[in-house]
Amino acid sequence: MAAAPSRPGLAPGVLAVAALYGPAIWLVMSLAVIPLLGGRPAAFVFRWWVQLVGHIPFVAVPIVAMISRPTVGSARDAGRAPVASGA
């Protein structure tokens, strides 16, 4: 099936990148964007820390996993002739 992943689970590289990328997204939004647009500083309460950690599995892992998957007809395949399969 073309839509099914070729291997089960996530590559360790995906988890490592997501562990950095998820908190980075939250920190930029929480410490820069929201205070600039909302006019109020971040409140470092329990909820803030839960959302910081929660960005790893619920935001960053899906983004990094989708970006790391090769796609059929992607830009890096542009200009190459399709390979004929010998069936």
N, C-alpha and C. Protein backbone atom coordinates (compact mmCIF):
# COMPACT_ATOMS: atom_id res chain seq x y z
N MET A 1 0.85 -1.18 0.00
CA MET A 1 0.00 0.00 0.00
C MET A 1 0.89 1.24 0.00
N ALA A 2 0.62 2.18 -0.86
CA ALA A 2 1.48 3.35 -1.02
C ALA A 2 1.45 4.29 0.17
N ALA A 3 0.32 4.39 0.86
CA ALA A 3 0.21 5.33 1.97
C ALA A 3 0.76 4.77 3.28
N ALA A 4 0.95 3.47 3.35
CA ALA A 4 1.45 2.86 4.58
C ALA A 4 2.95 3.07 4.71
N PRO A 5 3.43 3.32 5.92
CA PRO A 5 4.87 3.48 6.10
C PRO A 5 5.60 2.17 5.82
N SER A 6 6.83 2.28 5.31
CA SER A 6 7.58 1.09 4.96
C SER A 6 8.18 0.41 6.18
N ARG A 7 8.25 1.09 7.29
CA ARG A 7 8.80 0.51 8.52
C ARG A 7 7.96 0.95 9.71
N PRO A 8 7.80 0.08 10.68
CA PRO A 8 7.01 0.46 11.85
C PRO A 8 7.80 1.37 12.78
N GLY A 9 7.12 2.21 13.52
CA GLY A 9 7.76 3.07 14.51
C GLY A 9 8.39 4.30 13.90
N LEU A 10 9.01 5.07 14.75
CA LEU A 10 9.67 6.30 14.32
C LEU A 10 11.18 6.13 14.41
N ALA A 11 11.87 6.76 13.49
CA ALA A 11 13.33 6.73 13.53
C ALA A 11 13.82 7.53 14.74
N PRO A 12 14.93 7.10 15.35
CA PRO A 12 15.46 7.85 16.50
C PRO A 12 15.78 9.30 16.16
N GLY A 13 16.17 9.56 14.92
CA GLY A 13 16.45 10.93 14.51
C GLY A 13 15.22 11.81 14.56
N VAL A 14 14.06 11.26 14.24
CA VAL A 14 12.81 12.02 14.29
C VAL A 14 12.52 12.44 15.72
N LEU A 15 12.70 11.53 16.66
CA LEU A 15 12.43 11.85 18.06
C LEU A 15 13.44 12.88 18.60
N ALA A 16 14.68 12.76 18.17
CA ALA A 16 15.70 13.70 18.64
C ALA A 16 15.42 15.11 18.13
N VAL A 17 15.07 15.22 16.86
CA VAL A 17 14.76 16.54 16.30
C VAL A 17 13.49 17.09 16.94
N ALA A 18 12.49 16.24 17.13
CA ALA A 18 11.23 16.67 17.74
C ALA A 18 11.43 17.14 19.17
N ALA A 19 12.36 16.51 19.90
CA ALA A 19 12.61 16.90 21.28
C ALA A 19 13.20 18.31 21.37
N LEU A 20 13.83 18.77 20.32
CA LEU A 20 14.35 20.14 20.28
C LEU A 20 13.36 21.10 19.63
N TYR A 21 12.72 20.63 18.56
CA TYR A 21 11.84 21.48 17.77
C TYR A 21 10.55 21.85 18.52
N GLY A 22 9.94 20.90 19.21
CA GLY A 22 8.68 21.16 19.92
C GLY A 22 8.81 22.24 20.98
N PRO A 23 9.76 22.09 21.91
CA PRO A 23 9.94 23.15 22.90
C PRO A 23 10.37 24.48 22.28
N ALA A 24 11.13 24.44 21.20
CA ALA A 24 11.54 25.69 20.54
C ALA A 24 10.32 26.44 20.01
N ILE A 25 9.38 25.70 19.41
CA ILE A 25 8.15 26.33 18.92
C ILE A 25 7.41 27.00 20.08
N TRP A 26 7.25 26.26 21.17
CA TRP A 26 6.50 26.79 22.31
C TRP A 26 7.20 27.99 22.93
N LEU A 27 8.53 27.94 23.06
CA LEU A 27 9.26 29.05 23.66
C LEU A 27 9.14 30.32 22.83
N VAL A 28 9.27 30.20 21.52
CA VAL A 28 9.15 31.38 20.66
C VAL A 28 7.75 31.97 20.76
N MET A 29 6.75 31.11 20.68
CA MET A 29 5.37 31.60 20.76
C MET A 29 5.06 32.20 22.13
N SER A 30 5.46 31.51 23.18
CA SER A 30 5.11 31.92 24.53
C SER A 30 5.89 33.14 25.02
N LEU A 31 7.16 33.22 24.63
CA LEU A 31 8.01 34.29 25.15
C LEU A 31 8.16 35.48 24.22
N ALA A 32 7.84 35.31 22.94
CA ALA A 32 8.02 36.42 21.99
C ALA A 32 6.71 36.83 21.32
N VAL A 33 6.08 35.91 20.63
CA VAL A 33 4.91 36.27 19.80
C VAL A 33 3.72 36.70 20.64
N ILE A 34 3.32 35.88 21.60
CA ILE A 34 2.14 36.19 22.41
C ILE A 34 2.32 37.47 23.23
N PRO A 35 3.47 37.67 23.90
CA PRO A 35 3.65 38.94 24.62
C PRO A 35 3.65 40.17 23.70
N LEU A 36 4.21 40.04 22.51
CA LEU A 36 4.21 41.17 21.58
C LEU A 36 2.81 41.49 21.06
N LEU A 37 2.05 40.46 20.75
CA LEU A 37 0.71 40.68 20.19
C LEU A 37 -0.35 40.87 21.27
N GLY A 38 -0.20 40.22 22.39
CA GLY A 38 -1.21 40.28 23.44
C GLY A 38 -0.94 41.32 24.51
N GLY A 39 0.28 41.79 24.58
CA GLY A 39 0.62 42.81 25.56
C GLY A 39 0.75 42.32 26.99
N ARG A 40 0.88 41.00 27.18
CA ARG A 40 1.06 40.49 28.53
C ARG A 40 2.17 39.44 28.54
N PRO A 41 2.98 39.43 29.56
CA PRO A 41 4.08 38.47 29.62
C PRO A 41 3.59 37.06 29.94
N ALA A 42 4.44 36.09 29.66
CA ALA A 42 4.09 34.69 29.93
C ALA A 42 4.05 34.46 31.44
N ALA A 43 3.11 33.62 31.86
CA ALA A 43 3.01 33.23 33.26
C ALA A 43 3.56 31.81 33.39
N PHE A 44 4.62 31.66 34.14
CA PHE A 44 5.27 30.36 34.27
C PHE A 44 4.60 29.53 35.37
N VAL A 45 3.41 29.04 35.04
CA VAL A 45 2.66 28.21 35.96
C VAL A 45 2.72 26.76 35.46
N PHE A 46 2.11 25.84 36.20
CA PHE A 46 2.15 24.42 35.84
C PHE A 46 1.67 24.19 34.41
N ARG A 47 0.62 24.85 34.00
CA ARG A 47 0.07 24.69 32.65
C ARG A 47 1.09 25.05 31.59
N TRP A 48 1.90 26.08 31.83
CA TRP A 48 2.92 26.51 30.88
C TRP A 48 3.93 25.38 30.65
N TRP A 49 4.36 24.73 31.73
CA TRP A 49 5.33 23.64 31.64
C TRP A 49 4.73 22.41 30.96
N VAL A 50 3.47 22.11 31.23
CA VAL A 50 2.80 20.98 30.58
C VAL A 50 2.74 21.20 29.08
N GLN A 51 2.41 22.41 28.66
CA GLN A 51 2.33 22.70 27.24
C GLN A 51 3.71 22.68 26.58
N LEU A 52 4.73 23.12 27.31
CA LEU A 52 6.09 23.07 26.79
C LEU A 52 6.49 21.63 26.49
N VAL A 53 6.29 20.74 27.45
CA VAL A 53 6.64 19.33 27.26
C VAL A 53 5.69 18.65 26.27
N GLY A 54 4.42 19.02 26.31
CA GLY A 54 3.43 18.42 25.41
C GLY A 54 3.65 18.73 23.95
N HIS A 55 4.38 19.77 23.65
CA HIS A 55 4.66 20.10 22.26
C HIS A 55 5.56 19.07 21.59
N ILE A 56 6.30 18.30 22.37
CA ILE A 56 7.15 17.27 21.76
C ILE A 56 6.31 16.19 21.10
N PRO A 57 5.46 15.45 21.83
CA PRO A 57 4.73 14.37 21.17
C PRO A 57 3.55 14.81 20.31
N PHE A 58 2.91 15.92 20.67
CA PHE A 58 1.67 16.28 19.99
C PHE A 58 1.81 17.29 18.87
N VAL A 59 2.92 18.00 18.81
CA VAL A 59 3.13 18.99 17.76
C VAL A 59 4.36 18.63 16.93
N ALA A 60 5.50 18.46 17.59
CA ALA A 60 6.75 18.29 16.86
C ALA A 60 6.91 16.92 16.21
N VAL A 61 6.54 15.85 16.90
CA VAL A 61 6.71 14.52 16.30
C VAL A 61 5.91 14.38 15.01
N PRO A 62 4.63 14.75 14.96
CA PRO A 62 3.92 14.65 13.68
C PRO A 62 4.53 15.52 12.58
N ILE A 63 4.96 16.73 12.92
CA ILE A 63 5.56 17.61 11.91
C ILE A 63 6.86 17.04 11.39
N VAL A 64 7.75 16.65 12.28
CA VAL A 64 9.05 16.12 11.87
C VAL A 64 8.89 14.80 11.13
N ALA A 65 7.99 13.94 11.58
CA ALA A 65 7.77 12.66 10.90
C ALA A 65 7.26 12.87 9.48
N MET A 66 6.36 13.81 9.28
CA MET A 66 5.85 14.07 7.93
C MET A 66 6.91 14.69 7.04
N ILE A 67 7.70 15.57 7.58
CA ILE A 67 8.74 16.21 6.78
C ILE A 67 9.83 15.22 6.40
N SER A 68 10.13 14.27 7.26
CA SER A 68 11.23 13.34 7.01
C SER A 68 10.86 12.21 6.06
N ARG A 69 9.57 12.02 5.79
CA ARG A 69 9.15 10.95 4.88
C ARG A 69 9.39 11.34 3.44
N PRO A 70 9.98 10.45 2.65
CA PRO A 70 10.10 10.73 1.22
C PRO A 70 8.72 10.62 0.57
N THR A 71 8.47 11.46 -0.40
CA THR A 71 7.18 11.45 -1.09
C THR A 71 7.37 11.12 -2.55
N VAL A 72 6.37 10.54 -3.14
CA VAL A 72 6.39 10.24 -4.57
C VAL A 72 6.16 11.53 -5.33
N GLY A 73 7.00 11.82 -6.28
CA GLY A 73 6.85 13.03 -7.07
C GLY A 73 7.28 14.28 -6.33
N SER A 74 8.17 14.15 -5.37
CA SER A 74 8.61 15.31 -4.62
C SER A 74 9.54 16.18 -5.46
N ALA A 75 9.85 17.35 -4.96
CA ALA A 75 10.68 18.30 -5.69
C ALA A 75 12.06 17.74 -5.97
N ARG A 76 12.59 16.90 -5.09
CA ARG A 76 13.92 16.36 -5.34
C ARG A 76 13.91 15.33 -6.46
N ASP A 77 12.73 14.82 -6.84
CA ASP A 77 12.62 13.89 -7.96
C ASP A 77 12.33 14.61 -9.27
N ALA A 78 12.15 15.92 -9.24
CA ALA A 78 11.79 16.67 -10.44
C ALA A 78 12.91 16.55 -11.48
N GLY A 79 12.52 16.32 -12.69
CA GLY A 79 13.49 16.23 -13.77
C GLY A 79 14.05 14.84 -13.99
N ARG A 80 13.76 13.91 -13.13
CA ARG A 80 14.24 12.54 -13.31
C ARG A 80 13.18 11.72 -14.02
N ALA A 81 13.64 10.84 -14.86
CA ALA A 81 12.71 9.96 -15.56
C ALA A 81 12.25 8.88 -14.59
N PRO A 82 10.97 8.51 -14.65
CA PRO A 82 10.50 7.44 -13.76
C PRO A 82 11.19 6.13 -14.09
N VAL A 83 11.43 5.32 -13.07
CA VAL A 83 12.07 4.03 -13.24
C VAL A 83 10.99 3.01 -13.52
N ALA A 84 11.17 2.28 -14.64
CA ALA A 84 10.19 1.27 -15.00
C ALA A 84 10.45 0.01 -14.19
N SER A 85 9.38 -0.58 -13.68
CA SER A 85 9.54 -1.81 -12.92
C SER A 85 9.36 -2.99 -13.85
N GLY A 86 10.19 -3.96 -13.68
CA GLY A 86 10.11 -5.17 -14.52
C GLY A 86 9.23 -6.21 -13.89
N ALA A 87 7.98 -6.23 -14.30
CA ALA A 87 7.04 -7.17 -13.67
C ALA A 87 6.79 -8.34 -14.53
